[in-house]
N, C-alpha and C. Protein backbone atom coordinates (compact mmCIF):
# COMPACT_ATOMS: atom_id res chain seq x y z
N MET A 1 68.40 -4.00 -122.73
CA MET A 1 67.14 -4.43 -122.30
C MET A 1 66.08 -3.24 -122.47
N VAL A 2 64.94 -3.67 -122.76
CA VAL A 2 63.79 -2.46 -122.89
C VAL A 2 62.44 -3.05 -122.36
N GLN A 3 61.75 -2.16 -121.55
CA GLN A 3 60.22 -2.77 -121.25
C GLN A 3 59.66 -1.48 -120.90
N VAL A 4 58.27 -1.58 -120.73
CA VAL A 4 57.34 -0.55 -120.45
C VAL A 4 56.98 -0.60 -119.08
N VAL A 5 56.97 0.64 -118.43
CA VAL A 5 56.89 0.65 -117.11
C VAL A 5 55.41 0.68 -116.87
N LEU A 6 54.76 -0.41 -116.05
CA LEU A 6 53.42 -0.75 -115.86
C LEU A 6 52.98 -0.19 -114.45
N PRO A 7 51.69 -0.35 -114.18
CA PRO A 7 51.32 0.26 -112.94
C PRO A 7 51.79 -0.68 -111.74
N ASN A 8 51.84 -2.02 -112.00
CA ASN A 8 52.26 -2.97 -110.85
C ASN A 8 53.88 -2.64 -110.54
N ASP A 9 54.50 -2.05 -111.42
CA ASP A 9 55.90 -1.69 -111.27
C ASP A 9 56.19 -0.44 -110.45
N ALA A 10 55.03 0.49 -110.11
CA ALA A 10 55.13 1.85 -109.57
C ALA A 10 54.67 1.91 -108.27
N ASN A 11 55.02 3.09 -107.67
CA ASN A 11 54.58 3.37 -106.29
C ASN A 11 53.20 4.36 -106.52
N PRO A 12 52.50 4.86 -105.61
CA PRO A 12 51.22 5.06 -105.63
C PRO A 12 51.26 6.81 -106.32
N LEU A 13 52.46 7.19 -106.45
CA LEU A 13 52.75 8.51 -107.17
C LEU A 13 52.77 8.26 -108.97
N GLY A 14 52.89 7.10 -109.18
CA GLY A 14 52.94 6.67 -110.60
C GLY A 14 54.41 6.61 -111.02
N PHE A 15 55.42 6.31 -110.15
CA PHE A 15 56.66 6.36 -110.69
C PHE A 15 57.46 5.01 -110.41
N ILE A 16 58.17 4.43 -111.09
CA ILE A 16 58.77 3.05 -111.00
C ILE A 16 59.47 3.09 -109.58
N LEU A 17 59.22 2.04 -109.02
CA LEU A 17 59.85 1.84 -107.62
C LEU A 17 61.45 1.61 -107.91
N GLY A 18 62.07 2.13 -106.82
CA GLY A 18 63.61 1.94 -106.96
C GLY A 18 64.07 0.47 -107.02
N GLY A 19 63.38 -0.40 -106.05
CA GLY A 19 63.72 -1.77 -106.04
C GLY A 19 63.39 -2.42 -107.35
N THR A 20 62.60 -1.92 -108.15
CA THR A 20 62.32 -2.52 -109.48
C THR A 20 63.46 -2.12 -110.52
N VAL A 21 63.96 -1.04 -110.32
CA VAL A 21 64.97 -0.29 -111.18
C VAL A 21 66.21 -1.14 -110.77
N MET A 22 66.65 -1.50 -109.35
CA MET A 22 67.61 -2.30 -108.93
C MET A 22 67.58 -3.57 -109.52
N HIS A 23 66.39 -4.29 -109.42
CA HIS A 23 66.34 -5.54 -110.02
C HIS A 23 66.79 -5.61 -111.50
N LEU A 24 66.24 -4.77 -112.13
CA LEU A 24 66.39 -4.76 -113.69
C LEU A 24 67.97 -4.50 -113.99
N ILE A 25 68.68 -3.52 -113.27
CA ILE A 25 69.96 -3.37 -113.40
C ILE A 25 70.86 -4.62 -112.90
N ASP A 26 70.41 -5.38 -112.02
CA ASP A 26 71.09 -6.57 -111.72
C ASP A 26 71.09 -7.62 -112.79
N ILE A 27 69.88 -7.63 -113.44
CA ILE A 27 69.42 -8.52 -114.63
C ILE A 27 70.31 -8.34 -115.67
N ALA A 28 70.33 -6.89 -116.06
CA ALA A 28 71.19 -6.42 -117.25
C ALA A 28 72.64 -6.68 -116.96
N GLY A 29 73.05 -6.44 -115.81
CA GLY A 29 74.38 -6.73 -115.68
C GLY A 29 74.80 -8.16 -115.71
N ALA A 30 73.94 -8.97 -115.01
CA ALA A 30 74.36 -10.45 -115.11
C ALA A 30 74.45 -10.92 -116.62
N ILE A 31 73.52 -10.41 -117.40
CA ILE A 31 73.55 -11.04 -118.85
C ILE A 31 74.77 -10.54 -119.48
N ALA A 32 75.30 -9.25 -119.27
CA ALA A 32 76.59 -8.86 -119.96
C ALA A 32 77.47 -9.72 -119.30
N CYS A 33 77.64 -9.99 -118.18
CA CYS A 33 78.74 -10.59 -117.79
C CYS A 33 78.54 -12.13 -118.07
N PHE A 34 77.50 -12.65 -118.19
CA PHE A 34 77.14 -14.32 -118.57
C PHE A 34 77.82 -14.28 -120.08
N ARG A 35 77.37 -13.26 -120.93
CA ARG A 35 77.64 -13.28 -122.35
C ARG A 35 79.34 -13.07 -122.44
N HIS A 36 79.83 -12.41 -121.58
CA HIS A 36 81.38 -12.37 -121.71
C HIS A 36 82.05 -13.63 -121.32
N ALA A 37 81.53 -14.24 -120.02
CA ALA A 37 82.43 -15.22 -119.49
C ALA A 37 81.78 -16.56 -119.99
N ARG A 38 80.47 -16.67 -120.37
CA ARG A 38 79.90 -18.09 -120.75
C ARG A 38 79.98 -18.73 -119.53
N GLN A 39 79.86 -18.33 -118.27
CA GLN A 39 79.80 -19.04 -117.14
C GLN A 39 78.62 -18.70 -116.25
N ARG A 40 78.15 -19.37 -115.25
CA ARG A 40 77.24 -18.83 -114.41
C ARG A 40 78.02 -17.68 -113.52
N VAL A 41 77.15 -16.68 -113.27
CA VAL A 41 77.65 -15.46 -112.62
C VAL A 41 76.70 -15.09 -111.45
N VAL A 42 77.06 -14.72 -110.38
CA VAL A 42 76.40 -14.15 -109.06
C VAL A 42 76.94 -12.80 -108.96
N THR A 43 75.95 -12.04 -108.54
CA THR A 43 76.26 -10.55 -107.90
C THR A 43 77.04 -10.66 -106.61
N VAL A 44 78.12 -9.84 -106.56
CA VAL A 44 78.92 -9.90 -105.31
C VAL A 44 78.82 -8.46 -104.88
N ALA A 45 78.80 -7.39 -105.59
CA ALA A 45 78.69 -6.10 -105.07
C ALA A 45 78.05 -4.98 -106.14
N VAL A 46 77.38 -4.04 -105.44
CA VAL A 46 76.83 -2.96 -106.48
C VAL A 46 77.61 -1.65 -105.76
N ASP A 47 78.12 -0.89 -106.73
CA ASP A 47 78.74 0.30 -106.38
C ASP A 47 78.26 1.52 -106.94
N GLY A 48 78.12 2.45 -106.29
CA GLY A 48 77.72 3.83 -106.85
C GLY A 48 76.40 3.97 -107.64
N LEU A 49 75.40 3.24 -107.05
CA LEU A 49 74.17 3.30 -107.79
C LEU A 49 73.42 4.75 -107.44
N GLN A 50 73.07 5.34 -108.63
CA GLN A 50 72.54 6.63 -108.38
C GLN A 50 71.17 6.76 -109.35
N PHE A 51 70.19 7.30 -108.45
CA PHE A 51 68.74 7.55 -108.89
C PHE A 51 68.81 9.12 -109.29
N LEU A 52 68.85 9.27 -110.64
CA LEU A 52 69.03 10.75 -111.01
C LEU A 52 67.77 11.39 -111.44
N HIS A 53 66.60 10.62 -112.12
CA HIS A 53 65.41 11.12 -112.26
C HIS A 53 64.47 9.92 -112.12
N SER A 54 63.30 10.42 -111.95
CA SER A 54 62.20 9.16 -111.83
C SER A 54 61.78 8.79 -113.32
N ILE A 55 61.11 7.73 -113.35
CA ILE A 55 60.58 7.00 -114.59
C ILE A 55 59.05 6.84 -114.37
N LYS A 56 58.17 7.32 -115.20
CA LYS A 56 56.60 7.38 -115.04
C LYS A 56 56.26 6.06 -115.75
N VAL A 57 54.95 5.82 -115.05
CA VAL A 57 54.17 4.70 -115.67
C VAL A 57 53.96 5.00 -117.24
N GLY A 58 54.16 4.18 -118.22
CA GLY A 58 53.85 4.32 -119.41
C GLY A 58 55.19 4.61 -120.22
N ASP A 59 56.27 4.99 -119.64
CA ASP A 59 57.36 5.35 -120.22
C ASP A 59 58.33 4.08 -120.29
N LEU A 60 59.32 4.05 -121.47
CA LEU A 60 60.07 2.85 -121.33
C LEU A 60 61.35 3.00 -120.49
N ILE A 61 61.83 1.93 -119.98
CA ILE A 61 62.84 1.83 -119.36
C ILE A 61 63.95 1.08 -120.07
N ILE A 62 65.12 1.62 -120.47
CA ILE A 62 65.99 1.14 -121.31
C ILE A 62 67.50 0.82 -120.54
N LEU A 63 67.86 -0.28 -120.49
CA LEU A 63 69.00 -0.56 -119.44
C LEU A 63 70.27 -1.08 -120.70
N SER A 64 71.38 -0.46 -120.46
CA SER A 64 72.49 -0.87 -121.34
C SER A 64 73.55 -1.17 -120.25
N ALA A 65 74.25 -2.37 -120.54
CA ALA A 65 75.29 -2.77 -119.70
C ALA A 65 76.39 -3.35 -120.49
N HIS A 66 77.46 -2.85 -120.05
CA HIS A 66 78.78 -3.44 -120.61
C HIS A 66 79.79 -3.78 -119.60
N VAL A 67 80.60 -4.86 -119.78
CA VAL A 67 81.65 -5.15 -119.01
C VAL A 67 82.94 -4.07 -119.12
N THR A 68 83.21 -3.60 -118.06
CA THR A 68 84.30 -2.56 -118.10
C THR A 68 85.79 -3.05 -117.70
N ALA A 69 85.79 -4.16 -117.05
CA ALA A 69 86.96 -4.68 -116.43
C ALA A 69 86.78 -6.22 -116.19
N THR A 70 87.84 -7.12 -116.26
CA THR A 70 87.80 -8.30 -115.73
C THR A 70 89.00 -8.58 -114.93
N PHE A 71 89.02 -9.50 -113.97
CA PHE A 71 89.98 -9.77 -112.85
C PHE A 71 90.08 -11.43 -113.07
N ARG A 72 90.52 -11.99 -112.23
CA ARG A 72 90.81 -13.38 -112.30
C ARG A 72 89.51 -14.12 -112.28
N THR A 73 88.60 -14.11 -111.38
CA THR A 73 87.32 -14.57 -111.51
C THR A 73 86.15 -13.60 -111.35
N SER A 74 86.47 -12.22 -111.48
CA SER A 74 85.20 -11.40 -111.14
C SER A 74 85.34 -10.51 -112.64
N MET A 75 84.27 -9.93 -112.59
CA MET A 75 83.99 -8.73 -113.72
C MET A 75 83.37 -7.64 -113.11
N GLU A 76 83.59 -6.41 -113.73
CA GLU A 76 82.80 -5.12 -113.24
C GLU A 76 82.00 -4.88 -114.52
N VAL A 77 80.63 -4.54 -114.32
CA VAL A 77 79.88 -4.02 -115.32
C VAL A 77 79.35 -2.85 -114.97
N GLU A 78 79.27 -1.99 -116.01
CA GLU A 78 78.43 -0.57 -116.01
C GLU A 78 77.01 -0.68 -116.47
N VAL A 79 76.24 -0.28 -115.71
CA VAL A 79 74.62 -0.22 -116.40
C VAL A 79 74.25 1.13 -116.38
N ARG A 80 73.83 1.57 -117.36
CA ARG A 80 73.06 2.83 -117.47
C ARG A 80 71.67 2.74 -117.84
N VAL A 81 70.66 3.42 -117.32
CA VAL A 81 69.30 3.41 -117.18
C VAL A 81 68.83 4.62 -117.75
N MET A 82 68.06 4.43 -118.84
CA MET A 82 67.58 5.55 -119.47
C MET A 82 66.07 5.40 -119.47
N SER A 83 65.31 6.61 -119.43
CA SER A 83 63.63 6.43 -119.73
C SER A 83 63.53 7.08 -121.16
N GLU A 84 62.32 6.41 -121.71
CA GLU A 84 61.96 7.10 -122.87
C GLU A 84 60.61 7.40 -123.06
N GLN A 85 60.25 8.72 -123.25
CA GLN A 85 58.79 8.97 -123.24
C GLN A 85 58.26 8.49 -124.65
N THR A 86 57.31 7.51 -124.38
CA THR A 86 56.58 6.80 -125.60
C THR A 86 56.09 7.59 -126.62
N LEU A 87 55.62 8.71 -126.39
CA LEU A 87 55.03 9.57 -127.43
C LEU A 87 55.97 10.72 -128.17
N THR A 88 56.96 11.03 -127.42
CA THR A 88 58.05 12.07 -127.97
C THR A 88 59.27 11.28 -128.31
N GLY A 89 59.48 10.22 -127.55
CA GLY A 89 60.96 9.59 -127.95
C GLY A 89 62.11 10.24 -127.08
N LYS A 90 61.74 11.25 -126.28
CA LYS A 90 62.92 11.78 -125.47
C LYS A 90 63.29 10.84 -124.46
N ARG A 91 64.57 10.87 -124.43
CA ARG A 91 65.32 10.00 -123.66
C ARG A 91 66.00 10.79 -122.39
N THR A 92 65.95 10.20 -121.21
CA THR A 92 66.65 10.84 -120.12
C THR A 92 67.52 9.90 -119.23
N LEU A 93 68.82 10.17 -118.90
CA LEU A 93 69.52 9.25 -118.09
C LEU A 93 69.07 9.22 -116.72
N THR A 94 68.43 8.11 -116.18
CA THR A 94 67.78 8.12 -115.01
C THR A 94 68.66 7.56 -113.95
N SER A 95 69.37 6.50 -114.21
CA SER A 95 70.26 5.93 -113.17
C SER A 95 71.50 5.31 -113.76
N HIS A 96 72.29 4.90 -112.88
CA HIS A 96 73.80 4.54 -113.15
C HIS A 96 74.37 3.79 -112.23
N ALA A 97 75.08 2.55 -112.42
CA ALA A 97 75.56 1.94 -111.57
C ALA A 97 76.76 1.07 -112.05
N TYR A 98 77.57 0.80 -111.21
CA TYR A 98 78.60 -0.49 -111.43
C TYR A 98 78.34 -1.51 -110.45
N LEU A 99 78.52 -2.79 -111.12
CA LEU A 99 78.25 -4.16 -110.37
C LEU A 99 79.47 -5.01 -110.68
N THR A 100 79.79 -5.86 -109.64
CA THR A 100 80.56 -6.74 -109.73
C THR A 100 79.94 -8.10 -109.71
N PHE A 101 80.42 -9.09 -110.55
CA PHE A 101 80.03 -10.37 -110.55
C PHE A 101 81.15 -11.38 -110.61
N VAL A 102 80.92 -12.53 -110.03
CA VAL A 102 81.87 -13.65 -110.14
C VAL A 102 81.21 -14.71 -110.66
N ALA A 103 82.23 -15.26 -111.46
CA ALA A 103 81.77 -16.53 -112.32
C ALA A 103 82.02 -17.85 -111.39
N ILE A 104 81.01 -18.78 -111.56
CA ILE A 104 81.12 -19.78 -110.67
C ILE A 104 80.62 -21.13 -111.61
N ASP A 105 81.31 -22.17 -111.00
CA ASP A 105 80.79 -23.50 -111.60
C ASP A 105 79.66 -23.93 -111.05
N ALA A 106 79.26 -25.44 -111.35
CA ALA A 106 77.88 -25.90 -111.04
C ALA A 106 77.88 -26.18 -109.69
N ASP A 107 79.23 -26.19 -108.92
CA ASP A 107 79.20 -26.31 -107.42
C ASP A 107 79.46 -25.18 -106.59
N GLY A 108 79.41 -24.11 -107.36
CA GLY A 108 79.48 -22.72 -106.75
C GLY A 108 80.85 -22.31 -106.45
N ARG A 109 81.74 -22.98 -106.83
CA ARG A 109 83.08 -22.55 -106.89
C ARG A 109 83.44 -21.49 -107.90
N ARG A 110 84.46 -20.64 -107.55
CA ARG A 110 84.77 -19.56 -108.61
C ARG A 110 85.63 -20.21 -109.71
N VAL A 111 85.45 -19.56 -110.83
CA VAL A 111 86.12 -20.09 -111.89
C VAL A 111 86.67 -18.79 -112.62
N ALA A 112 87.78 -18.85 -113.47
CA ALA A 112 88.35 -18.01 -114.14
C ALA A 112 87.45 -17.37 -115.28
N VAL A 113 87.73 -16.25 -115.45
CA VAL A 113 86.97 -15.50 -116.75
C VAL A 113 87.90 -15.16 -117.70
N PRO A 114 87.40 -15.08 -118.95
CA PRO A 114 88.31 -14.64 -119.95
C PRO A 114 88.89 -13.05 -119.74
N ALA A 115 89.88 -12.78 -120.23
CA ALA A 115 90.29 -11.42 -120.15
C ALA A 115 89.52 -10.61 -121.22
N LEU A 116 89.35 -9.34 -120.83
CA LEU A 116 88.63 -8.21 -121.63
C LEU A 116 89.57 -7.70 -122.55
N VAL A 117 89.26 -7.72 -123.94
CA VAL A 117 89.89 -7.07 -124.90
C VAL A 117 89.70 -5.45 -124.78
N LEU A 118 90.92 -4.80 -124.30
CA LEU A 118 90.62 -3.33 -124.48
C LEU A 118 91.16 -2.69 -125.79
N GLU A 119 90.56 -2.21 -126.44
CA GLU A 119 90.95 -1.71 -127.92
C GLU A 119 91.11 -0.19 -128.09
N SER A 120 90.54 0.57 -127.09
CA SER A 120 90.57 1.84 -127.25
C SER A 120 91.05 2.65 -125.95
N ASP A 121 91.69 3.72 -126.08
CA ASP A 121 92.16 4.38 -124.85
C ASP A 121 91.07 4.70 -123.79
N GLU A 122 89.80 4.90 -124.39
CA GLU A 122 88.63 5.00 -123.54
C GLU A 122 88.55 3.78 -122.57
N GLU A 123 88.44 2.60 -123.39
CA GLU A 123 88.23 1.29 -122.95
C GLU A 123 89.48 1.05 -121.57
N ARG A 124 90.41 1.52 -122.13
CA ARG A 124 91.54 1.32 -120.95
C ARG A 124 91.62 2.09 -119.74
N GLN A 125 91.03 3.36 -119.95
CA GLN A 125 90.59 4.23 -119.03
C GLN A 125 89.61 3.92 -118.00
N ARG A 126 88.46 3.22 -118.68
CA ARG A 126 87.35 2.66 -117.83
C ARG A 126 88.03 1.45 -117.04
N ALA A 127 88.91 0.68 -117.62
CA ALA A 127 89.36 -0.50 -117.02
C ALA A 127 90.35 -0.09 -115.71
N GLU A 128 91.03 1.07 -115.96
CA GLU A 128 91.88 1.49 -114.75
C GLU A 128 90.79 2.09 -113.73
N GLN A 129 89.78 2.82 -114.21
CA GLN A 129 88.84 3.35 -113.13
C GLN A 129 88.13 1.97 -112.47
N ALA A 130 87.99 1.07 -112.97
CA ALA A 130 87.51 -0.09 -112.44
C ALA A 130 88.49 -0.70 -111.54
N ARG A 131 89.61 -0.85 -111.87
CA ARG A 131 90.51 -1.24 -110.74
C ARG A 131 90.64 -0.36 -109.55
N VAL A 132 90.42 0.89 -109.58
CA VAL A 132 90.50 1.79 -108.42
C VAL A 132 89.39 1.43 -107.67
N ARG A 133 88.05 1.19 -108.18
CA ARG A 133 86.82 0.88 -107.50
C ARG A 133 86.74 -0.49 -106.71
N ARG A 134 87.65 -1.30 -107.57
CA ARG A 134 87.90 -2.56 -106.85
C ARG A 134 88.79 -2.62 -105.90
N ASP A 135 89.79 -1.87 -105.84
CA ASP A 135 90.71 -1.74 -104.64
C ASP A 135 89.85 -1.13 -103.39
N ALA A 136 88.98 -0.15 -103.72
CA ALA A 136 88.15 0.45 -102.55
C ALA A 136 87.11 -0.73 -102.19
N ARG A 137 86.54 -1.60 -102.89
CA ARG A 137 85.72 -2.42 -102.56
C ARG A 137 86.42 -3.49 -101.57
N LEU A 138 87.66 -3.86 -102.10
CA LEU A 138 88.26 -5.04 -101.35
C LEU A 138 88.72 -4.34 -99.93
N THR A 139 89.18 -2.97 -99.83
CA THR A 139 89.35 -2.43 -98.38
C THR A 139 88.32 -2.43 -97.55
N ALA A 140 87.21 -2.12 -98.23
CA ALA A 140 85.79 -2.13 -97.46
C ALA A 140 85.47 -3.41 -96.85
N ARG A 141 85.63 -4.43 -97.74
CA ARG A 141 85.32 -5.85 -97.46
C ARG A 141 86.30 -6.18 -96.26
N ALA A 142 87.56 -5.91 -96.28
CA ALA A 142 88.42 -6.26 -95.28
C ALA A 142 88.16 -5.57 -94.02
N HIS A 143 87.49 -4.37 -94.08
CA HIS A 143 87.22 -3.71 -92.92
C HIS A 143 86.02 -4.38 -92.35
N LEU A 144 85.00 -4.68 -93.18
CA LEU A 144 83.86 -5.51 -92.67
C LEU A 144 84.22 -6.81 -92.00
N ALA A 145 85.23 -7.59 -92.41
CA ALA A 145 85.63 -8.75 -92.05
C ALA A 145 86.16 -8.48 -90.63
N GLU A 146 86.93 -7.37 -90.40
CA GLU A 146 87.47 -6.95 -89.07
C GLU A 146 86.41 -6.56 -88.21
N LEU A 147 85.58 -6.09 -88.44
CA LEU A 147 84.22 -5.80 -87.73
C LEU A 147 83.58 -7.14 -87.18
N GLU A 148 83.45 -8.13 -88.20
CA GLU A 148 82.88 -9.43 -87.88
C GLU A 148 83.49 -9.98 -86.84
N ALA A 149 84.99 -9.99 -87.11
CA ALA A 149 85.93 -10.80 -86.15
C ALA A 149 85.78 -10.25 -84.77
N GLU A 150 85.61 -8.94 -84.50
CA GLU A 150 85.29 -8.30 -83.42
C GLU A 150 84.08 -8.91 -82.50
N LEU A 151 83.04 -8.83 -83.38
CA LEU A 151 81.70 -9.28 -82.73
C LEU A 151 81.66 -10.51 -82.31
N ASP A 152 82.52 -11.28 -83.09
CA ASP A 152 82.58 -12.88 -82.68
C ASP A 152 83.31 -13.30 -81.68
N ALA A 153 84.19 -12.23 -81.39
CA ALA A 153 85.21 -12.38 -80.00
C ALA A 153 84.75 -12.31 -78.92
């Protein structure tokens, strides 16, 4: 995805708002997962969102998303965000995130997603790293469920 950063996307200093970047990351990730699964998808987690550099009004924001791993009903997608100076073409990595999406049917029930075909050692390594992130996410979710149960007691 590519779009120009306009003044209504920016803070008073002339830099794109972090929330706007997050919104675009979510859209780019959803599109990648939708195209893989050909099912409705919803965001269930955002991991490791990093803002490395700011993006100025007038620059282009370029988002690149690709599915790194699939599980039974969920997919992890990596989104990289670049800025491009319109006059020079200079590109800078500005943000990076991993998101998890779940495929759902028309009634909101989870549905299976197709397996990701891993063709290279790099793709297999990314998928293994995604499994590690997934394990950490599931552990954190279990901890939150325990806290919620304590509050309800």
